[in-house]
Amino acid sequence: MAKPTVVITFDDTRKSVTGTTEAEVKNFRFSIHSAREKWSVMIVFATLWVTGGTGTLRVYVDAETTPRLSLSTTSTSETLVWGQMSIGDLADGVHTARIRLVNSTAGQTTYTELLEVYAK
């Protein structure tokens, strides 16, 4: 039997970052515990758009310095992007996912609004 997919978080707040310096715009906490079936994958849906350049949304967990997931667009209108990342290696406990934005071009802005995160 396939693992059920569960909602981890949902957010519909518009956030943006201008320029080439990556910045955290959203975060959420979630737990992993061996008392329930351990999740192995987190699926992220987000809207992303730019005024120019390439906009990238990156997802980090806890104090990691390498993103577990990167989603990019060059679209100047709100676009749905998605991807999945492995979380099967996380220890039991409470973890924090950090959503960061950056643009490839100085002076250009990257936007995100909708964020839906699921695990299975």
PDB file of N, CA and C in Angstrom:
ATOM      1  N   MET A   1       0.845  -1.183   0.000  1.00  0.00           N
ATOM      2  CA  MET A   1       0.000   0.000   0.000  1.00  0.00           C
ATOM      3  C   MET A   1       0.888   1.244   0.000  1.00  0.00           C
ATOM      4  N   ALA A   2       0.524   2.229  -0.787  1.00  0.00           N
ATOM      5  CA  ALA A   2       1.284   3.481  -0.887  1.00  0.00           C
ATOM      6  C   ALA A   2       1.116   4.310   0.384  1.00  0.00           C
ATOM      7  N   LYS A   3       2.165   5.052   0.722  1.00  0.00           N
ATOM      8  CA  LYS A   3       2.086   5.955   1.870  1.00  0.00           C
ATOM      9  C   LYS A   3       1.074   7.053   1.577  1.00  0.00           C
ATOM     10  N   PRO A   4       0.294   7.454   2.594  1.00  0.00           N
ATOM     11  CA  PRO A   4      -0.621   8.584   2.376  1.00  0.00           C
ATOM     12  C   PRO A   4       0.166   9.886   2.238  1.00  0.00           C
ATOM     13  N   THR A   5      -0.382  10.817   1.484  1.00  0.00           N
ATOM     14  CA  THR A   5       0.210  12.143   1.361  1.00  0.00           C
ATOM     15  C   THR A   5      -0.485  13.060   2.351  1.00  0.00           C
ATOM     16  N   VAL A   6       0.300  13.791   3.144  1.00  0.00           N
ATOM     17  CA  VAL A   6      -0.266  14.666   4.170  1.00  0.00           C
ATOM     18  C   VAL A   6       0.163  16.113   3.923  1.00  0.00           C
ATOM     19  N   VAL A   7      -0.709  17.033   4.280  1.00  0.00           N
ATOM     20  CA  VAL A   7      -0.397  18.461   4.163  1.00  0.00           C
ATOM     21  C   VAL A   7       0.504  18.852   5.323  1.00  0.00           C
ATOM     22  N   ILE A   8       1.614  19.519   5.019  1.00  0.00           N
ATOM     23  CA  ILE A   8       2.524  20.020   6.049  1.00  0.00           C
ATOM     24  C   ILE A   8       2.237  21.497   6.330  1.00  0.00           C
ATOM     25  N   THR A   9       2.113  22.290   5.275  1.00  0.00           N
ATOM     26  CA  THR A   9       1.826  23.716   5.460  1.00  0.00           C
ATOM     27  C   THR A   9       1.212  24.293   4.199  1.00  0.00           C
ATOM     28  N   PHE A  10       0.557  25.444   4.384  1.00  0.00           N
ATOM     29  CA  PHE A  10      -0.032  26.201   3.289  1.00  0.00           C
ATOM     30  C   PHE A  10       0.122  27.672   3.630  1.00  0.00           C
ATOM     31  N   ASP A  11       0.566  28.471   2.681  1.00  0.00           N
ATOM     32  CA  ASP A  11       0.732  29.905   2.900  1.00  0.00           C
ATOM     33  C   ASP A  11       0.421  30.629   1.598  1.00  0.00           C
ATOM     34  N   ASP A  12      -0.235  31.777   1.695  1.00  0.00           N
ATOM     35  CA  ASP A  12      -0.600  32.546   0.499  1.00  0.00           C
ATOM     36  C   ASP A  12      -0.253  34.021   0.695  1.00  0.00           C
ATOM     37  N   THR A  13       0.918  34.262   1.291  1.00  0.00           N
ATOM     38  CA  THR A  13       1.391  35.620   1.551  1.00  0.00           C
ATOM     39  C   THR A  13       2.449  35.993   0.519  1.00  0.00           C
ATOM     40  N   ARG A  14       2.271  37.128  -0.153  1.00  0.00           N
ATOM     41  CA  ARG A  14       3.242  37.549  -1.161  1.00  0.00           C
ATOM     42  C   ARG A  14       4.514  38.050  -0.487  1.00  0.00           C
ATOM     43  N   LYS A  15       5.658  37.543  -0.977  1.00  0.00           N
ATOM     44  CA  LYS A  15       6.981  37.954  -0.498  1.00  0.00           C
ATOM     45  C   LYS A  15       7.867  38.180  -1.712  1.00  0.00           C
ATOM     46  N   SER A  16       8.900  39.015  -1.543  1.00  0.00           N
ATOM     47  CA  SER A  16       9.799  39.283  -2.663  1.00  0.00           C
ATOM     48  C   SER A  16      11.201  39.609  -2.171  1.00  0.00           C
ATOM     49  N   VAL A  17      12.157  39.442  -3.080  1.00  0.00           N
ATOM     50  CA  VAL A  17      13.559  39.796  -2.847  1.00  0.00           C
ATOM     51  C   VAL A  17      14.064  40.449  -4.119  1.00  0.00           C
ATOM     52  N   THR A  18      14.757  41.575  -3.968  1.00  0.00           N
ATOM     53  CA  THR A  18      15.351  42.258  -5.117  1.00  0.00           C
ATOM     54  C   THR A  18      16.860  42.047  -5.094  1.00  0.00           C
ATOM     55  N   GLY A  19      17.396  41.617  -6.242  1.00  0.00           N
ATOM     56  CA  GLY A  19      18.836  41.499  -6.390  1.00  0.00           C
ATOM     57  C   GLY A  19      19.383  40.105  -6.191  1.00  0.00           C
ATOM     58  N   THR A  20      20.709  40.060  -6.098  1.00  0.00           N
ATOM     59  CA  THR A  20      21.448  38.802  -6.141  1.00  0.00           C
ATOM     60  C   THR A  20      21.830  38.264  -4.762  1.00  0.00           C
ATOM     61  N   THR A  21      21.336  38.889  -3.713  1.00  0.00           N
ATOM     62  CA  THR A  21      21.592  38.391  -2.362  1.00  0.00           C
ATOM     63  C   THR A  21      20.397  37.561  -1.905  1.00  0.00           C
ATOM     64  N   GLU A  22      20.645  36.290  -1.659  1.00  0.00           N
ATOM     65  CA  GLU A  22      19.584  35.372  -1.226  1.00  0.00           C
ATOM     66  C   GLU A  22      19.065  35.779   0.148  1.00  0.00           C
ATOM     67  N   ALA A  23      17.738  35.707   0.336  1.00  0.00           N
ATOM     68  CA  ALA A  23      17.138  36.077   1.621  1.00  0.00           C
ATOM     69  C   ALA A  23      15.983  35.153   1.958  1.00  0.00           C
ATOM     70  N   GLU A  24      15.846  34.846   3.252  1.00  0.00           N
ATOM     71  CA  GLU A  24      14.736  34.029   3.727  1.00  0.00           C
ATOM     72  C   GLU A  24      13.459  34.849   3.730  1.00  0.00           C
ATOM     73  N   VAL A  25      12.381  34.277   3.158  1.00  0.00           N
ATOM     74  CA  VAL A  25      11.097  34.985   3.107  1.00  0.00           C
ATOM     75  C   VAL A  25       9.972  34.238   3.824  1.00  0.00           C
ATOM     76  N   LYS A  26      10.125  32.948   4.006  1.00  0.00           N
ATOM     77  CA  LYS A  26       9.112  32.147   4.695  1.00  0.00           C
ATOM     78  C   LYS A  26       9.831  31.003   5.402  1.00  0.00           C
ATOM     79  N   ASN A  27       9.183  30.465   6.435  1.00  0.00           N
ATOM     80  CA  ASN A  27       9.688  29.248   7.062  1.00  0.00           C
ATOM     81  C   ASN A  27       8.526  28.521   7.725  1.00  0.00           C
ATOM     82  N   PHE A  28       8.720  27.258   7.973  1.00  0.00           N
ATOM     83  CA  PHE A  28       7.719  26.471   8.688  1.00  0.00           C
ATOM     84  C   PHE A  28       8.426  25.323   9.397  1.00  0.00           C
ATOM     85  N   ARG A  29       7.783  24.856  10.471  1.00  0.00           N
ATOM     86  CA  ARG A  29       8.332  23.756  11.254  1.00  0.00           C
ATOM     87  C   ARG A  29       7.504  22.494  11.020  1.00  0.00           C
ATOM     88  N   PHE A  30       8.175  21.357  11.127  1.00  0.00           N
ATOM     89  CA  PHE A  30       7.512  20.065  10.997  1.00  0.00           C
ATOM     90  C   PHE A  30       8.271  19.054  11.852  1.00  0.00           C
ATOM     91  N   SER A  31       7.589  17.956  12.172  1.00  0.00           N
ATOM     92  CA  SER A  31       8.233  16.956  13.017  1.00  0.00           C
ATOM     93  C   SER A  31       8.399  15.637  12.281  1.00  0.00           C
ATOM     94  N   ILE A  32       9.435  14.936  12.684  1.00  0.00           N
ATOM     95  CA  ILE A  32       9.687  13.570  12.235  1.00  0.00           C
ATOM     96  C   ILE A  32       9.705  12.728  13.501  1.00  0.00           C
ATOM     97  N   HIS A  33       8.976  11.606  13.497  1.00  0.00           N
ATOM     98  CA  HIS A  33       8.998  10.749  14.675  1.00  0.00           C
ATOM     99  C   HIS A  33       8.783   9.302  14.267  1.00  0.00           C
ATOM    100  N   SER A  34       9.560   8.428  14.869  1.00  0.00           N
ATOM    101  CA  SER A  34       9.483   7.001  14.530  1.00  0.00           C
ATOM    102  C   SER A  34       8.195   6.341  15.021  1.00  0.00           C
ATOM    103  N   ALA A  35       7.406   7.044  15.851  1.00  0.00           N
ATOM    104  CA  ALA A  35       6.133   6.492  16.315  1.00  0.00           C
ATOM    105  C   ALA A  35       5.107   6.408  15.182  1.00  0.00           C
ATOM    106  N   ARG A  36       5.312   7.169  14.125  1.00  0.00           N
ATOM    107  CA  ARG A  36       4.438   7.068  12.949  1.00  0.00           C
ATOM    108  C   ARG A  36       5.323   6.690  11.755  1.00  0.00           C
ATOM    109  N   GLU A  37       4.691   6.316  10.668  1.00  0.00           N
ATOM    110  CA  GLU A  37       5.459   5.969   9.468  1.00  0.00           C
ATOM    111  C   GLU A  37       6.302   7.157   9.059  1.00  0.00           C
ATOM    112  N   LYS A  38       7.587   6.935   8.876  1.00  0.00           N
ATOM    113  CA  LYS A  38       8.509   8.035   8.590  1.00  0.00           C
ATOM    114  C   LYS A  38       8.340   8.510   7.142  1.00  0.00           C
ATOM    115  N   TRP A  39       8.196   9.830   6.992  1.00  0.00           N
ATOM    116  CA  TRP A  39       8.100  10.408   5.655  1.00  0.00           C
ATOM    117  C   TRP A  39       9.469  10.357   4.987  1.00  0.00           C
ATOM    118  N   SER A  40       9.463  10.175   3.682  1.00  0.00           N
ATOM    119  CA  SER A  40      10.730  10.133   2.946  1.00  0.00           C
ATOM    120  C   SER A  40      10.855  11.264   1.928  1.00  0.00           C
ATOM    121  N   VAL A  41       9.719  11.853   1.546  1.00  0.00           N
ATOM    122  CA  VAL A  41       9.724  12.875   0.496  1.00  0.00           C
ATOM    123  C   VAL A  41       8.844  14.050   0.914  1.00  0.00           C
ATOM    124  N   MET A  42       9.313  15.254   0.637  1.00  0.00           N
ATOM    125  CA  MET A  42       8.505  16.461   0.804  1.00  0.00           C
ATOM    126  C   MET A  42       8.279  17.037  -0.598  1.00  0.00           C
ATOM    127  N   ILE A  43       7.025  17.351  -0.903  1.00  0.00           N
ATOM    128  CA  ILE A  43       6.652  17.883  -2.223  1.00  0.00           C
ATOM    129  C   ILE A  43       6.261  19.346  -2.038  1.00  0.00           C
ATOM    130  N   VAL A  44       6.881  20.223  -2.815  1.00  0.00           N
ATOM    131  CA  VAL A  44       6.686  21.666  -2.677  1.00  0.00           C
ATOM    132  C   VAL A  44       6.072  22.218  -3.955  1.00  0.00           C
ATOM    133  N   PHE A  45       4.951  22.922  -3.808  1.00  0.00           N
ATOM    134  CA  PHE A  45       4.333  23.686  -4.889  1.00  0.00           C
ATOM    135  C   PHE A  45       4.425  25.154  -4.489  1.00  0.00           C
ATOM    136  N   ALA A  46       4.829  26.015  -5.414  1.00  0.00           N
ATOM    137  CA  ALA A  46       4.935  27.445  -5.108  1.00  0.00           C
ATOM    138  C   ALA A  46       4.668  28.244  -6.376  1.00  0.00           C
ATOM    139  N   THR A  47       4.177  29.472  -6.190  1.00  0.00           N
ATOM    140  CA  THR A  47       4.129  30.377  -7.333  1.00  0.00           C
ATOM    141  C   THR A  47       5.376  31.241  -7.285  1.00  0.00           C
ATOM    142  N   LEU A  48       5.886  31.553  -8.468  1.00  0.00           N
ATOM    143  CA  LEU A  48       7.151  32.265  -8.593  1.00  0.00           C
ATOM    144  C   LEU A  48       7.102  33.109  -9.854  1.00  0.00           C
ATOM    145  N   TRP A  49       7.591  34.349  -9.787  1.00  0.00           N
ATOM    146  CA  TRP A  49       7.703  35.199 -10.967  1.00  0.00           C
ATOM    147  C   TRP A  49       8.716  36.294 -10.706  1.00  0.00           C
ATOM    148  N   VAL A  50       9.133  36.967 -11.788  1.00  0.00           N
ATOM    149  CA  VAL A  50      10.216  37.950 -11.718  1.00  0.00           C
ATOM    150  C   VAL A  50       9.879  39.199 -12.522  1.00  0.00           C
ATOM    151  N   THR A  51      10.607  40.277 -12.237  1.00  0.00           N
ATOM    152  CA  THR A  51      10.538  41.464 -13.088  1.00  0.00           C
ATOM    153  C   THR A  51      11.551  41.366 -14.220  1.00  0.00           C
ATOM    154  N   GLY A  52      12.524  40.489 -14.101  1.00  0.00           N
ATOM    155  CA  GLY A  52      13.570  40.249 -15.089  1.00  0.00           C
ATOM    156  C   GLY A  52      14.560  39.267 -14.499  1.00  0.00           C
ATOM    157  N   GLY A  53      15.491  38.781 -15.311  1.00  0.00           N
ATOM    158  CA  GLY A  53      16.459  37.812 -14.817  1.00  0.00           C
ATOM    159  C   GLY A  53      15.817  36.465 -14.546  1.00  0.00           C
ATOM    160  N   THR A  54      16.506  35.641 -13.773  1.00  0.00           N
ATOM    161  CA  THR A  54      16.003  34.332 -13.362  1.00  0.00           C
ATOM    162  C   THR A  54      15.788  34.356 -11.863  1.00  0.00           C
ATOM    163  N   GLY A  55      14.582  34.030 -11.450  1.00  0.00           N
ATOM    164  CA  GLY A  55      14.268  33.959 -10.030  1.00  0.00           C
ATOM    165  C   GLY A  55      14.345  32.528  -9.545  1.00  0.00           C
ATOM    166  N   THR A  56      14.921  32.354  -8.354  1.00  0.00           N
ATOM    167  CA  THR A  56      15.064  31.019  -7.783  1.00  0.00           C
ATOM    168  C   THR A  56      14.541  30.990  -6.357  1.00  0.00           C
ATOM    169  N   LEU A  57      13.740  29.970  -6.063  1.00  0.00           N
ATOM    170  CA  LEU A  57      13.266  29.679  -4.716  1.00  0.00           C
ATOM    171  C   LEU A  57      14.036  28.452  -4.247  1.00  0.00           C
ATOM    172  N   ARG A  58      14.653  28.561  -3.076  1.00  0.00           N
ATOM    173  CA  ARG A  58      15.442  27.451  -2.530  1.00  0.00           C
ATOM    174  C   ARG A  58      14.874  27.054  -1.178  1.00  0.00           C
ATOM    175  N   VAL A  59      14.882  25.747  -0.916  1.00  0.00           N
ATOM    176  CA  VAL A  59      14.386  25.218   0.353  1.00  0.00           C
ATOM    177  C   VAL A  59      15.558  24.578   1.099  1.00  0.00           C
ATOM    178  N   TYR A  60      15.780  25.061   2.308  1.00  0.00           N
ATOM    179  CA  TYR A  60      16.812  24.534   3.201  1.00  0.00           C
ATOM    180  C   TYR A  60      16.119  23.926   4.420  1.00  0.00           C
ATOM    181  N   VAL A  61      16.755  22.968   5.065  1.00  0.00           N
ATOM    182  CA  VAL A  61      16.228  22.388   6.297  1.00  0.00           C
ATOM    183  C   VAL A  61      17.232  22.634   7.417  1.00  0.00           C
ATOM    184  N   ASP A  62      16.716  23.131   8.527  1.00  0.00           N
ATOM    185  CA  ASP A  62      17.512  23.426   9.715  1.00  0.00           C
ATOM    186  C   ASP A  62      18.670  24.360   9.353  1.00  0.00           C
ATOM    187  N   ALA A  63      19.875  24.059   9.756  1.00  0.00           N
ATOM    188  CA  ALA A  63      21.014  24.959   9.526  1.00  0.00           C
ATOM    189  C   ALA A  63      21.808  24.581   8.271  1.00  0.00           C
ATOM    190  N   GLU A  64      21.228  23.769   7.406  1.00  0.00           N
ATOM    191  CA  GLU A  64      21.939  23.349   6.192  1.00  0.00           C
ATOM    192  C   GLU A  64      22.301  24.558   5.325  1.00  0.00           C
ATOM    193  N   THR A  65      23.450  24.473   4.675  1.00  0.00           N
ATOM    194  CA  THR A  65      23.899  25.554   3.795  1.00  0.00           C
ATOM    195  C   THR A  65      23.753  25.200   2.317  1.00  0.00           C
ATOM    196  N   THR A  66      23.350  23.974   2.039  1.00  0.00           N
ATOM    197  CA  THR A  66      23.066  23.541   0.668  1.00  0.00           C
ATOM    198  C   THR A  66      21.574  23.288   0.568  1.00  0.00           C
ATOM    199  N   PRO A  67      20.903  23.888  -0.417  1.00  0.00           N
ATOM    200  CA  PRO A  67      19.452  23.685  -0.514  1.00  0.00           C
ATOM    201  C   PRO A  67      19.105  22.240  -0.867  1.00  0.00           C
ATOM    202  N   ARG A  68      18.010  21.772  -0.310  1.00  0.00           N
ATOM    203  CA  ARG A  68      17.497  20.452  -0.670  1.00  0.00           C
ATOM    204  C   ARG A  68      16.675  20.521  -1.952  1.00  0.00           C
ATOM    205  N   LEU A  69      16.202  21.721  -2.291  1.00  0.00           N
ATOM    206  CA  LEU A  69      15.385  21.895  -3.485  1.00  0.00           C
ATOM    207  C   LEU A  69      15.579  23.303  -4.024  1.00  0.00           C
ATOM    208  N   SER A  70      15.720  23.437  -5.344  1.00  0.00           N
ATOM    209  CA  SER A  70      15.777  24.733  -6.021  1.00  0.00           C
ATOM    210  C   SER A  70      14.778  24.728  -7.168  1.00  0.00           C
ATOM    211  N   LEU A  71      13.946  25.770  -7.222  1.00  0.00           N
ATOM    212  CA  LEU A  71      12.946  25.929  -8.280  1.00  0.00           C
ATOM    213  C   LEU A  71      13.163  27.295  -8.911  1.00  0.00           C
ATOM    214  N   SER A  72      13.186  27.372 -10.244  1.00  0.00           N
ATOM    215  CA  SER A  72      13.503  28.634 -10.921  1.00  0.00           C
ATOM    216  C   SER A  72      12.499  28.959 -12.017  1.00  0.00           C
ATOM    217  N   THR A  73      12.442  30.269 -12.355  1.00  0.00           N
ATOM    218  CA  THR A  73      11.617  30.719 -13.474  1.00  0.00           C
ATOM    219  C   THR A  73      12.184  32.018 -14.033  1.00  0.00           C
ATOM    220  N   THR A  74      11.836  32.279 -15.295  1.00  0.00           N
ATOM    221  CA  THR A  74      12.097  33.577 -15.926  1.00  0.00           C
ATOM    222  C   THR A  74      10.777  34.255 -16.282  1.00  0.00           C
ATOM    223  N   SER A  75       9.664  33.663 -15.856  1.00  0.00           N
ATOM    224  CA  SER A  75       8.344  34.191 -16.190  1.00  0.00           C
ATOM    225  C   SER A  75       8.074  35.501 -15.453  1.00  0.00           C
ATOM    226  N   THR A  76       7.482  36.457 -16.174  1.00  0.00           N
ATOM    227  CA  THR A  76       7.104  37.731 -15.555  1.00  0.00           C
ATOM    228  C   THR A  76       5.654  37.727 -15.075  1.00  0.00           C
ATOM    229  N   SER A  77       4.976  36.586 -15.187  1.00  0.00           N
ATOM    230  CA  SER A  77       3.637  36.441 -14.611  1.00  0.00           C
ATOM    231  C   SER A  77       3.662  35.260 -13.646  1.00  0.00           C
ATOM    232  N   GLU A  78       2.780  35.305 -12.673  1.00  0.00           N
ATOM    233  CA  GLU A  78       2.757  34.281 -11.637  1.00  0.00           C
ATOM    234  C   GLU A  78       2.662  32.888 -12.257  1.00  0.00           C
ATOM    235  N   THR A  79       3.615  32.028 -11.907  1.00  0.00           N
ATOM    236  CA  THR A  79       3.738  30.702 -12.487  1.00  0.00           C
ATOM    237  C   THR A  79       3.853  29.667 -11.379  1.00  0.00           C
ATOM    238  N   LEU A  80       3.154  28.560 -11.528  1.00  0.00           N
ATOM    239  CA  LEU A  80       3.252  27.480 -10.549  1.00  0.00           C
ATOM    240  C   LEU A  80       4.468  26.616 -10.874  1.00  0.00           C
ATOM    241  N   VAL A  81       5.342  26.453  -9.881  1.00  0.00           N
ATOM    242  CA  VAL A  81       6.502  25.571 -10.010  1.00  0.00           C
ATOM    243  C   VAL A  81       6.403  24.528  -8.898  1.00  0.00           C
ATOM    244  N   TRP A  82       7.049  23.396  -9.088  1.00  0.00           N
ATOM    245  CA  TRP A  82       7.006  22.361  -8.059  1.00  0.00           C
ATOM    246  C   TRP A  82       8.202  21.449  -8.175  1.00  0.00           C
ATOM    247  N   GLY A  83       8.458  20.763  -7.076  1.00  0.00           N
ATOM    248  CA  GLY A  83       9.522  19.778  -7.044  1.00  0.00           C
ATOM    249  C   GLY A  83       9.428  18.993  -5.754  1.00  0.00           C
ATOM    250  N   GLN A  84      10.267  17.981  -5.638  1.00  0.00           N
ATOM    251  CA  GLN A  84      10.268  17.204  -4.410  1.00  0.00           C
ATOM    252  C   GLN A  84      11.687  17.024  -3.922  1.00  0.00           C
ATOM    253  N   MET A  85      11.799  16.827  -2.599  1.00  0.00           N
ATOM    254  CA  MET A  85      13.111  16.668  -1.986  1.00  0.00           C
ATOM    255  C   MET A  85      13.060  15.530  -0.975  1.00  0.00           C
ATOM    256  N   SER A  86      14.172  14.876  -0.796  1.00  0.00           N
ATOM    257  CA  SER A  86      14.264  13.785   0.160  1.00  0.00           C
ATOM    258  C   SER A  86      14.361  14.329   1.581  1.00  0.00           C
ATOM    259  N   ILE A  87      13.591  13.735   2.497  1.00  0.00           N
ATOM    260  CA  ILE A  87      13.700  14.061   3.920  1.00  0.00           C
ATOM    261  C   ILE A  87      13.856  12.790   4.752  1.00  0.00           C
ATOM    262  N   GLY A  88      14.105  11.676   4.099  1.00  0.00           N
ATOM    263  CA  GLY A  88      14.224  10.391   4.783  1.00  0.00           C
ATOM    264  C   GLY A  88      15.431  10.287   5.697  1.00  0.00           C
ATOM    265  N   ASP A  89      16.405  11.177   5.521  1.00  0.00           N
ATOM    266  CA  ASP A  89      17.614  11.135   6.338  1.00  0.00           C
ATOM    267  C   ASP A  89      17.503  11.965   7.619  1.00  0.00           C
ATOM    268  N   LEU A  90      16.384  12.659   7.811  1.00  0.00           N
ATOM    269  CA  LEU A  90      16.239  13.508   8.990  1.00  0.00           C
ATOM    270  C   LEU A  90      15.959  12.674  10.241  1.00  0.00           C
ATOM    271  N   ALA A  91      16.581  13.067  11.343  1.00  0.00           N
ATOM    272  CA  ALA A  91      16.403  12.381  12.619  1.00  0.00           C
ATOM    273  C   ALA A  91      15.052  12.743  13.230  1.00  0.00           C
ATOM    274  N   ASP A  92      14.592  11.919  14.155  1.00  0.00           N
ATOM    275  CA  ASP A  92      13.383  12.246  14.909  1.00  0.00           C
ATOM    276  C   ASP A  92      13.561  13.604  15.572  1.00  0.00           C
ATOM    277  N   GLY A  93      12.507  14.415  15.558  1.00  0.00           N
ATOM    278  CA  GLY A  93      12.559  15.718  16.204  1.00  0.00           C
ATOM    279  C   GLY A  93      11.850  16.771  15.376  1.00  0.00           C
ATOM    280  N   VAL A  94      11.960  18.000  15.832  1.00  0.00           N
ATOM    281  CA  VAL A  94      11.349  19.139  15.151  1.00  0.00           C
ATOM    282  C   VAL A  94      12.385  19.759  14.225  1.00  0.00           C
ATOM    283  N   HIS A  95      11.962  20.035  13.000  1.00  0.00           N
ATOM    284  CA  HIS A  95      12.845  20.609  11.977  1.00  0.00           C
ATOM    285  C   HIS A  95      12.225  21.884  11.435  1.00  0.00           C
ATOM    286  N   THR A  96      13.063  22.769  10.908  1.00  0.00           N
ATOM    287  CA  THR A  96      12.600  24.014  10.307  1.00  0.00           C
ATOM    288  C   THR A  96      13.008  24.045   8.843  1.00  0.00           C
ATOM    289  N   ALA A  97      12.013  24.229   7.969  1.00  0.00           N
ATOM    290  CA  ALA A  97      12.277  24.432   6.540  1.00  0.00           C
ATOM    291  C   ALA A  97      12.303  25.928   6.286  1.00  0.00           C
ATOM    292  N   ARG A  98      13.310  26.380   5.556  1.00  0.00           N
ATOM    293  CA  ARG A  98      13.494  27.803   5.276  1.00  0.00           C
ATOM    294  C   ARG A  98      13.387  28.036   3.769  1.00  0.00           C
ATOM    295  N   ILE A  99      12.492  28.943   3.386  1.00  0.00           N
ATOM    296  CA  ILE A  99      12.264  29.278   1.980  1.00  0.00           C
ATOM    297  C   ILE A  99      13.021  30.564   1.696  1.00  0.00           C
ATOM    298  N   ARG A 100      13.941  30.505   0.739  1.00  0.00           N
ATOM    299  CA  ARG A 100      14.767  31.666   0.413  1.00  0.00           C
ATOM    300  C   ARG A 100      14.609  31.991  -1.072  1.00  0.00           C
ATOM    301  N   LEU A 101      14.669  33.284  -1.412  1.00  0.00           N
ATOM    302  CA  LEU A 101      14.565  33.753  -2.797  1.00  0.00           C
ATOM    303  C   LEU A 101      15.836  34.475  -3.192  1.00  0.00           C
ATOM    304  N   VAL A 102      16.109  34.465  -4.497  1.00  0.00           N
ATOM    305  CA  VAL A 102      17.219  35.224  -5.062  1.00  0.00           C
ATOM    306  C   VAL A 102      16.942  35.437  -6.543  1.00  0.00           C
ATOM    307  N   ASN A 103      17.538  36.468  -7.126  1.00  0.00           N
ATOM    308  CA  ASN A 103      17.445  36.720  -8.565  1.00  0.00           C
ATOM    309  C   ASN A 103      18.856  36.717  -9.145  1.00  0.00           C
ATOM    310  N   SER A 104      18.976  36.317 -10.386  1.00  0.00           N
ATOM    311  CA  SER A 104      20.281  36.250 -11.046  1.00  0.00           C
ATOM    312  C   SER A 104      20.817  37.624 -11.435  1.00  0.00           C
ATOM    313  N   THR A 105      19.956  38.646 -11.419  1.00  0.00           N
ATOM    314  CA  THR A 105      20.324  39.962 -11.934  1.00  0.00           C
ATOM    315  C   THR A 105      20.106  41.042 -10.883  1.00  0.00           C
ATOM    316  N   ALA A 106      21.118  41.847 -10.670  1.00  0.00           N
ATOM    317  CA  ALA A 106      21.004  42.961  -9.726  1.00  0.00           C
ATOM    318  C   ALA A 106      19.862  43.882 -10.154  1.00  0.00           C
ATOM    319  N   GLY A 107      19.088  44.357  -9.191  1.00  0.00           N
ATOM    320  CA  GLY A 107      17.992  45.282  -9.473  1.00  0.00           C
ATOM    321  C   GLY A 107      16.694  44.631  -9.914  1.00  0.00           C
ATOM    322  N   GLN A 108      16.707  43.327 -10.179  1.00  0.00           N
ATOM    323  CA  GLN A 108      15.486  42.612 -10.572  1.00  0.00           C
ATOM    324  C   GLN A 108      14.881  41.926  -9.346  1.00  0.00           C
ATOM    325  N   THR A 109      13.562  41.772  -9.357  1.00  0.00           N
ATOM    326  CA  THR A 109      12.851  41.250  -8.193  1.00  0.00           C
ATOM    327  C   THR A 109      12.258  39.879  -8.485  1.00  0.00           C
ATOM    328  N   THR A 110      12.368  38.999  -7.494  1.00  0.00           N
ATOM    329  CA  THR A 110      11.752  37.670  -7.526  1.00  0.00           C
ATOM    330  C   THR A 110      10.621  37.656  -6.509  1.00  0.00           C
ATOM    331  N   TYR A 111       9.446  37.170  -6.929  1.00  0.00           N
ATOM    332  CA  TYR A 111       8.259  37.101  -6.078  1.00  0.00           C
ATOM    333  C   TYR A 111       7.839  35.652  -5.864  1.00  0.00           C
ATOM    334  N   THR A 112       7.267  35.403  -4.700  1.00  0.00           N
ATOM    335  CA  THR A 112       6.547  34.153  -4.440  1.00  0.00           C
ATOM    336  C   THR A 112       5.299  34.515  -3.659  1.00  0.00           C
ATOM    337  N   GLU A 113       4.262  33.716  -3.798  1.00  0.00           N
ATOM    338  CA  GLU A 113       3.041  33.959  -3.028  1.00  0.00           C
ATOM    339  C   GLU A 113       2.522  32.629  -2.480  1.00  0.00           C
ATOM    340  N   LEU A 114       1.937  31.821  -3.307  1.00  0.00           N
ATOM    341  CA  LEU A 114       1.384  30.546  -2.859  1.00  0.00           C
ATOM    342  C   LEU A 114       2.509  29.577  -2.504  1.00  0.00           C
ATOM    343  N   LEU A 115       2.368  28.913  -1.356  1.00  0.00           N
ATOM    344  CA  LEU A 115       3.272  27.833  -0.950  1.00  0.00           C
ATOM    345  C   LEU A 115       2.418  26.711  -0.377  1.00  0.00           C
ATOM    346  N   GLU A 116       2.522  25.536  -0.980  1.00  0.00           N
ATOM    347  CA  GLU A 116       1.851  24.341  -0.477  1.00  0.00           C
ATOM    348  C   GLU A 116       2.923  23.266  -0.325  1.00  0.00           C
ATOM    349  N   VAL A 117       2.952  22.621   0.841  1.00  0.00           N
ATOM    350  CA  VAL A 117       3.963  21.594   1.088  1.00  0.00           C
ATOM    351  C   VAL A 117       3.269  20.337   1.609  1.00  0.00           C
ATOM    352  N   TYR A 118       3.622  19.212   1.019  1.00  0.00           N
ATOM    353  CA  TYR A 118       3.073  17.913   1.379  1.00  0.00           C
ATOM    354  C   TYR A 118       4.225  16.952   1.683  1.00  0.00           C
ATOM    355  N   ALA A 119       3.939  15.908   2.427  1.00  0.00           N
ATOM    356  CA  ALA A 119       4.927  14.875   2.689  1.00  0.00           C
ATOM    357  C   ALA A 119       4.303  13.511   2.486  1.00  0.00           C
ATOM    358  N   LYS A 120       5.149  12.555   2.130  1.00  0.00           N
ATOM    359  CA  LYS A 120       4.702  11.166   2.029  1.00  0.00           C
ATOM    360  C   LYS A 120       5.879  10.253   2.271  1.00  0.00           C
TER     361      LYS A 120
END
